[in-house]
Amino acid sequence: MRRIPVVVVAGFLGAGKTTLLNHLLAHSLDARIAVVVNDFGAIGIDSLLVAGSDGMVSLGNGCLCCATGEDGVGPLLERLTRRRDEIDVIVIEASGIAEPGTLVRLVLEAANPQLVFGGLVEVVDAVEFEPILRRHPQVETHVGLADLLVLNKVDRVDPGKVWRVRRLLREMNALAPIVPANHGDVDPRLLFDIEVVPGRQLMLGEQTEGHEHHLHAAYDSVSFTTEAPLDPQRLRDLLDRRPAGVYRIKGIVAFGVPGHRQRYVLHTVGRYVRFRRTRWGPGEERRTSLVLIGSGIDTAAVEAELAACVADADSRTDPDAMLPVLRYTFGG
């Protein structure tokens, strides 16, 4: 079953969240985006078509826009899953004074099998971050929770200030990739999968023209494939320490441990890790195939770390070897 990623975009007032959101809508690469916002005010919705009385608005570029009501995020996500055939990704824009950790917890607690957490993206204002931090020290906590940091407005400050802010961000969050941006121009392929299905029926007024000027890729990716089974503990250790610059990991893992020879679908975003246990398809080759996505990845180092996860004879026969993975696994 296809699962819809839910991406939370947060950041202090004026950091550029809505600018980033408008950029994603304008450069969606044909992805059908459902946007959850507190207010429609600043979003570029020149050609709104009201879709009903439930707070959902259809945008001309194939996107949905939703307003959170008194019931909160959970019921709204539930309603959106009823339209899952029309949606590729859900983006929640947090209020500038919202607690992003609370929103992430609400998404995770929804426990909806049709959704998957797509990460917390914190937008940081390169111009105002230092004075904001002095006035509102709780921003440090928000930065520390992020899975991806977008350092926005770098075109408006000198290189020395960019370096200072990057150093502060790294002190607050040792793992999250830091992506510099002007006007929120983050490549959407860094935030969610783009899977354009040939011949897909156009929905929600989706338009296919206007995407001929694709962005320069703002992300790196590493692919890894092996026919040898992986060691569960070694892979879990790699996921715990997360190679520098890696934001997302996705793919299929074959472990080969007795009693656990199923097909394991791996999905990670930042510190969030999830395995889904499924059956191998008829004739499907039983091998591991992973893609790692991020910014500033050392490709050779990551490939070496992945190769070191190949199992030896002991881990292939130990029935307890899967324990580090099973706590993050669902399905059967």
Protein backbone atom coordinates (compact mmCIF):
# COMPACT_ATOMS: atom_id res chain seq x y z
CA MET A 1 0.00 0.00 0.00
CA ARG A 2 1.36 3.41 -0.97
CA ARG A 3 1.88 5.60 2.09
CA ILE A 4 1.68 9.40 1.95
CA PRO A 5 4.60 11.26 3.55
CA VAL A 6 3.66 14.07 5.96
CA VAL A 7 6.30 16.83 6.05
CA VAL A 8 6.17 19.46 8.82
CA VAL A 9 7.64 22.88 7.92
CA ALA A 10 8.41 25.09 10.91
CA GLY A 11 10.38 28.23 11.65
CA PHE A 12 10.12 31.50 13.53
CA LEU A 13 7.94 34.34 12.27
CA GLY A 14 9.31 35.75 9.03
CA ALA A 15 11.86 32.99 8.45
CA GLY A 16 10.40 32.19 5.03
CA LYS A 17 8.10 29.20 5.60
CA THR A 18 5.37 30.50 3.32
CA THR A 19 7.94 31.49 0.69
CA LEU A 20 9.30 27.93 0.77
CA LEU A 21 5.76 26.58 0.56
CA ASN A 22 4.91 28.76 -2.42
CA HIS A 23 8.13 27.59 -4.07
CA LEU A 24 7.16 23.95 -3.57
CA LEU A 25 3.74 24.61 -5.07
CA ALA A 26 5.22 26.43 -8.06
CA HIS A 27 7.92 23.80 -8.68
CA SER A 28 6.11 20.64 -7.59
CA LEU A 29 7.42 18.61 -10.57
CA ASP A 30 3.85 17.30 -10.95
CA ALA A 31 3.65 16.02 -7.36
CA ARG A 32 0.15 16.49 -5.95
CA ILE A 33 0.62 18.35 -2.68
CA ALA A 34 -1.91 18.71 0.11
CA VAL A 35 -1.00 21.75 2.21
CA VAL A 36 -2.20 22.19 5.79
CA VAL A 37 -1.92 25.79 7.02
CA ASN A 38 -3.37 28.00 9.72
CA ASP A 39 -4.22 30.82 7.34
CA PHE A 40 -4.43 31.21 3.58
CA GLY A 41 -3.32 34.85 3.69
CA ALA A 42 0.14 34.82 2.15
CA ILE A 43 -0.05 31.68 0.03
CA GLY A 44 -0.08 32.18 -3.73
CA ILE A 45 -3.61 30.97 -4.49
CA ASP A 46 -4.61 33.25 -7.34
CA SER A 47 -7.04 30.76 -8.84
CA LEU A 48 -8.77 29.16 -5.86
CA LEU A 49 -11.63 26.77 -6.38
CA VAL A 50 -13.51 26.07 -3.18
CA ALA A 51 -13.78 22.29 -2.90
CA GLY A 52 -16.32 22.06 -0.09
CA SER A 53 -17.18 23.11 3.42
CA ASP A 54 -14.56 20.98 5.16
CA GLY A 55 -11.76 23.53 4.89
CA MET A 56 -10.24 22.04 1.75
CA VAL A 57 -9.42 24.20 -1.23
CA SER A 58 -8.33 22.93 -4.64
CA LEU A 59 -5.44 24.78 -6.27
CA GLY A 60 -5.04 25.05 -10.01
CA ASN A 61 -1.65 23.33 -9.98
CA GLY A 62 -3.00 20.08 -8.57
CA CYS A 63 -2.58 20.91 -4.89
CA LEU A 64 -4.99 20.92 -1.99
CA CYS A 65 -4.98 23.56 0.69
CA CYS A 66 -6.56 22.90 4.10
CA ALA A 67 -7.24 25.02 7.15
CA THR A 68 -6.91 23.45 10.58
CA GLY A 69 -10.07 23.82 12.60
CA GLU A 70 -10.94 23.24 16.22
CA ASP A 71 -10.49 19.48 15.83
CA GLY A 72 -6.76 19.88 15.13
CA VAL A 73 -4.39 18.06 12.79
CA GLY A 74 -5.35 14.42 13.43
CA PRO A 75 -8.92 14.52 12.06
CA LEU A 76 -7.75 16.60 9.11
CA LEU A 77 -5.09 14.02 8.21
CA GLU A 78 -7.76 11.35 8.49
CA ARG A 79 -9.95 13.22 6.00
CA LEU A 80 -7.04 13.71 3.64
CA THR A 81 -6.31 9.98 3.56
CA ARG A 82 -9.77 9.46 2.10
CA ARG A 83 -8.43 11.29 -0.97
CA ARG A 84 -5.13 9.40 -1.00
CA ASP A 85 -5.46 8.55 -4.69
CA GLU A 86 -5.32 12.31 -5.39
CA ILE A 87 -2.41 13.19 -3.07
CA ASP A 88 1.32 12.44 -3.25
CA VAL A 89 2.50 14.35 -0.16
CA ILE A 90 1.06 16.37 2.73
CA VAL A 91 2.95 19.47 3.90
CA ILE A 92 1.98 21.03 7.24
CA GLU A 93 3.08 24.64 7.67
CA ALA A 94 3.40 25.34 11.37
CA SER A 95 2.58 28.74 12.81
CA GLY A 96 5.62 30.91 13.49
CA ILE A 97 4.96 30.61 17.22
CA ALA A 98 4.00 26.92 17.19
CA GLU A 99 5.93 24.21 18.99
CA PRO A 100 7.16 22.00 16.11
CA GLY A 101 7.73 19.05 18.42
CA THR A 102 4.03 19.06 19.28
CA LEU A 103 3.06 18.90 15.61
CA VAL A 104 5.49 16.07 14.95
CA ARG A 105 4.11 14.16 17.92
CA LEU A 106 0.55 14.62 16.62
CA VAL A 107 1.57 13.21 13.25
CA LEU A 108 3.32 10.23 14.81
CA GLU A 109 0.50 9.58 17.27
CA ALA A 110 -2.04 9.55 14.47
CA ALA A 111 -0.73 6.02 13.76
CA ASN A 112 -2.48 6.07 10.40
CA PRO A 113 -1.21 3.14 8.29
CA GLN A 114 -1.75 5.22 5.14
CA LEU A 115 0.64 7.96 6.30
CA VAL A 116 4.36 8.07 7.06
CA PHE A 117 6.25 10.85 8.83
CA GLY A 118 8.24 12.78 6.24
CA GLY A 119 10.43 14.86 8.53
CA LEU A 120 10.59 18.17 10.39
CA VAL A 121 12.01 20.96 8.23
CA GLU A 122 13.07 24.05 10.20
CA VAL A 123 13.43 27.26 8.16
CA VAL A 124 16.04 29.62 9.62
CA ASP A 125 16.37 33.32 8.78
CA ALA A 126 20.06 33.97 8.10
CA VAL A 127 19.51 37.72 8.60
CA GLU A 128 17.61 37.67 11.90
CA PHE A 129 18.58 34.37 13.52
CA GLU A 130 21.12 35.77 16.00
CA PRO A 131 18.85 38.51 17.45
CA ILE A 132 15.88 36.12 17.43
CA LEU A 133 17.91 33.60 19.42
CA ARG A 134 18.77 36.27 22.01
CA ARG A 135 15.10 37.26 22.41
CA HIS A 136 13.65 33.75 22.18
CA PRO A 137 16.17 31.15 23.41
CA GLN A 138 13.55 28.38 22.97
CA VAL A 139 14.36 28.55 19.24
CA GLU A 140 17.46 26.49 20.07
CA THR A 141 15.17 23.60 21.03
CA HIS A 142 13.28 23.90 17.74
CA VAL A 143 16.52 23.77 15.77
CA GLY A 144 17.66 20.76 17.79
CA LEU A 145 14.53 18.81 16.86
CA ALA A 146 14.83 19.39 13.11
CA ASP A 147 15.59 16.67 10.59
CA LEU A 148 16.54 19.24 7.93
CA LEU A 149 17.63 22.86 8.39
CA VAL A 150 16.94 25.33 5.56
CA LEU A 151 19.17 28.38 6.04
CA ASN A 152 17.11 30.93 4.14
CA LYS A 153 17.98 34.45 2.88
CA VAL A 154 21.70 33.73 2.52
CA ASP A 155 21.73 36.16 -0.39
CA ARG A 156 21.07 39.00 2.04
CA VAL A 157 24.06 38.53 4.34
CA ASP A 158 27.83 38.40 3.93
CA PRO A 159 29.71 35.07 3.93
CA GLY A 160 31.04 35.69 7.45
CA LYS A 161 27.55 35.90 8.90
CA VAL A 162 26.45 32.79 6.99
CA TRP A 163 29.40 30.96 8.54
CA ARG A 164 28.51 32.17 12.06
CA VAL A 165 24.88 31.10 11.74
CA ARG A 166 25.85 27.71 10.29
CA ARG A 167 28.21 27.18 13.23
CA LEU A 168 25.42 28.02 15.70
CA LEU A 169 23.03 25.64 13.94
CA ARG A 170 25.58 22.84 13.99
CA GLU A 171 26.17 23.38 17.73
CA MET A 172 22.41 23.05 18.31
CA ASN A 173 21.90 20.11 15.95
CA ALA A 174 24.84 17.85 15.21
CA LEU A 175 23.12 15.70 12.58
CA ALA A 176 20.60 17.59 10.45
CA PRO A 177 21.82 18.61 6.98
CA ILE A 178 22.00 22.40 6.55
CA VAL A 179 20.79 23.57 3.13
CA PRO A 180 21.40 27.24 2.20
CA ALA A 181 18.61 28.84 0.19
CA ASN A 182 17.51 32.09 -1.40
CA HIS A 183 13.79 32.86 -1.33
CA GLY A 184 12.99 29.36 -0.06
CA ASP A 185 14.19 27.74 -3.29
CA VAL A 186 14.70 24.21 -1.98
CA ASP A 187 14.55 21.40 -4.50
CA PRO A 188 11.34 19.47 -3.70
CA ARG A 189 13.12 16.19 -4.42
CA LEU A 190 15.02 16.69 -1.18
CA LEU A 191 11.77 16.78 0.81
CA PHE A 192 9.69 14.06 -0.81
CA ASP A 193 9.66 11.48 -3.58
CA ILE A 194 8.66 12.58 -7.07
CA GLU A 195 6.96 9.71 -8.84
CA VAL A 196 5.23 10.82 -12.01
CA VAL A 197 3.18 7.92 -13.31
CA PRO A 198 2.92 7.91 -17.12
CA GLY A 199 -0.68 8.32 -18.20
CA ARG A 200 -1.84 9.22 -14.70
CA GLN A 201 -5.26 10.80 -14.69
CA LEU A 202 -5.03 14.52 -13.98
CA MET A 203 -6.80 15.39 -10.73
CA LEU A 204 -7.62 18.50 -8.73
CA GLY A 205 -7.21 20.62 -11.84
CA GLU A 206 -3.60 19.46 -12.20
CA GLN A 207 -1.62 21.08 -15.00
CA THR A 208 1.35 19.50 -16.72
CA GLU A 209 2.75 22.55 -18.45
CA GLY A 210 5.10 25.03 -16.81
CA HIS A 211 7.64 22.55 -15.48
CA GLU A 212 10.08 22.72 -18.35
CA HIS A 213 12.51 24.82 -16.31
CA HIS A 214 13.56 22.34 -13.67
CA LEU A 215 15.75 23.43 -10.80
CA HIS A 216 19.37 22.57 -10.39
CA ALA A 217 19.45 19.67 -7.96
CA ALA A 218 20.00 20.94 -4.42
CA TYR A 219 20.58 17.48 -3.04
CA ASP A 220 22.92 14.51 -3.29
CA SER A 221 21.96 10.86 -3.53
CA VAL A 222 23.82 7.58 -3.08
CA SER A 223 22.51 4.22 -4.31
CA PHE A 224 23.60 0.93 -2.78
CA THR A 225 22.75 -2.59 -3.93
CA THR A 226 24.02 -5.95 -2.76
CA GLU A 227 22.88 -9.55 -3.08
CA ALA A 228 24.51 -10.43 0.25
CA PRO A 229 22.28 -10.18 3.35
CA LEU A 230 22.90 -7.32 5.78
CA ASP A 231 23.80 -7.57 9.46
CA PRO A 232 20.87 -6.10 11.48
CA GLN A 233 23.03 -4.64 14.27
CA ARG A 234 25.54 -3.06 11.90
CA LEU A 235 22.76 -1.50 9.86
CA ARG A 236 21.04 -0.26 13.02
CA ASP A 237 24.34 1.29 14.21
CA LEU A 238 24.70 3.07 10.88
CA LEU A 239 21.15 4.40 11.11
CA ASP A 240 21.77 5.59 14.67
CA ARG A 241 24.82 7.63 13.79
CA ARG A 242 23.46 8.66 10.37
CA PRO A 243 26.24 9.53 7.88
CA ALA A 244 26.92 13.26 7.64
CA GLY A 245 24.55 15.10 5.32
CA VAL A 246 22.05 12.23 4.96
CA TYR A 247 18.42 13.29 5.43
CA ARG A 248 16.46 10.33 4.10
CA ILE A 249 17.11 6.64 3.46
CA LYS A 250 14.64 4.43 1.65
CA GLY A 251 14.62 1.04 0.02
CA ILE A 252 14.47 -2.71 0.52
CA VAL A 253 16.63 -4.68 2.96
CA ALA A 254 17.33 -8.43 2.96
CA PHE A 255 18.68 -9.74 6.28
CA GLY A 256 18.68 -13.52 5.82
CA VAL A 257 18.46 -14.24 9.57
CA PRO A 258 16.62 -17.51 10.33
CA GLY A 259 12.92 -16.79 10.80
CA HIS A 260 13.30 -13.29 9.35
CA ARG A 261 13.79 -13.83 5.65
CA GLN A 262 10.95 -11.50 4.69
CA ARG A 263 11.28 -8.35 2.67
CA TYR A 264 11.99 -5.32 4.92
CA VAL A 265 11.06 -1.90 3.57
CA LEU A 266 13.23 0.79 5.22
CA HIS A 267 12.14 4.40 5.58
CA THR A 268 14.17 6.94 7.54
CA VAL A 269 13.91 10.69 7.75
CA GLY A 270 16.30 12.39 10.12
CA ARG A 271 16.21 10.48 13.40
CA TYR A 272 12.94 8.72 12.52
CA VAL A 273 13.46 5.07 11.50
CA ARG A 274 10.81 2.61 10.38
CA PHE A 275 10.95 -0.89 8.90
CA ARG A 276 7.90 -2.52 7.32
CA ARG A 277 7.92 -6.30 6.95
CA THR A 278 6.37 -7.58 3.71
CA ARG A 279 6.55 -10.62 1.44
CA TRP A 280 8.88 -10.95 -1.51
CA GLY A 281 7.00 -10.87 -4.77
CA PRO A 282 6.96 -13.91 -7.08
CA GLY A 283 10.25 -13.95 -8.94
CA GLU A 284 11.54 -10.87 -7.07
CA GLU A 285 15.30 -11.00 -6.54
CA ARG A 286 16.09 -11.10 -2.81
CA ARG A 287 18.66 -8.37 -2.43
CA THR A 288 19.17 -5.05 -0.64
CA SER A 289 18.57 -1.86 -2.60
CA LEU A 290 18.87 1.46 -0.79
CA VAL A 291 18.91 5.13 -1.77
CA LEU A 292 20.31 7.79 0.58
CA ILE A 293 19.33 11.42 0.00
CA GLY A 294 20.76 14.56 1.55
CA SER A 295 23.12 17.47 1.08
CA GLY A 296 26.92 17.43 1.19
CA ILE A 297 27.18 13.64 1.38
CA ASP A 298 30.64 12.01 1.19
CA THR A 299 29.66 9.36 -1.35
CA ALA A 300 32.76 7.18 -0.97
CA ALA A 301 32.53 7.17 2.83
CA VAL A 302 28.83 6.30 2.80
CA GLU A 303 29.34 3.48 0.31
CA ALA A 304 32.10 2.07 2.52
CA GLU A 305 29.86 2.23 5.61
CA LEU A 306 27.08 0.43 3.79
CA ALA A 307 29.42 -2.25 2.50
CA ALA A 308 30.57 -2.82 6.10
CA CYS A 309 26.96 -3.73 6.99
CA VAL A 310 27.12 -6.99 5.03
CA ALA A 311 26.52 -9.91 7.40
CA ASP A 312 29.10 -12.46 8.42
CA ALA A 313 28.41 -16.11 9.28
CA ASP A 314 27.58 -15.44 12.94
CA SER A 315 24.85 -12.87 12.32
CA ARG A 316 23.27 -15.07 9.68
CA THR A 317 22.65 -17.85 12.18
CA ASP A 318 21.91 -16.01 15.45
CA PRO A 319 18.10 -15.92 15.97
CA ASP A 320 18.45 -12.87 18.27
CA ALA A 321 20.33 -10.85 15.69
CA MET A 322 17.12 -9.13 14.53
CA LEU A 323 16.28 -7.59 17.92
CA PRO A 324 17.84 -4.17 17.08
CA VAL A 325 15.57 -3.96 14.02
CA LEU A 326 12.31 -5.52 15.25
CA ARG A 327 11.55 -2.68 17.68
CA TYR A 328 11.25 -0.39 14.64
CA THR A 329 9.28 -2.88 12.53
CA PHE A 330 5.59 -3.25 11.77
CA GLY A 331 3.69 -5.53 9.41
CA GLY A 332 4.04 -9.25 8.94
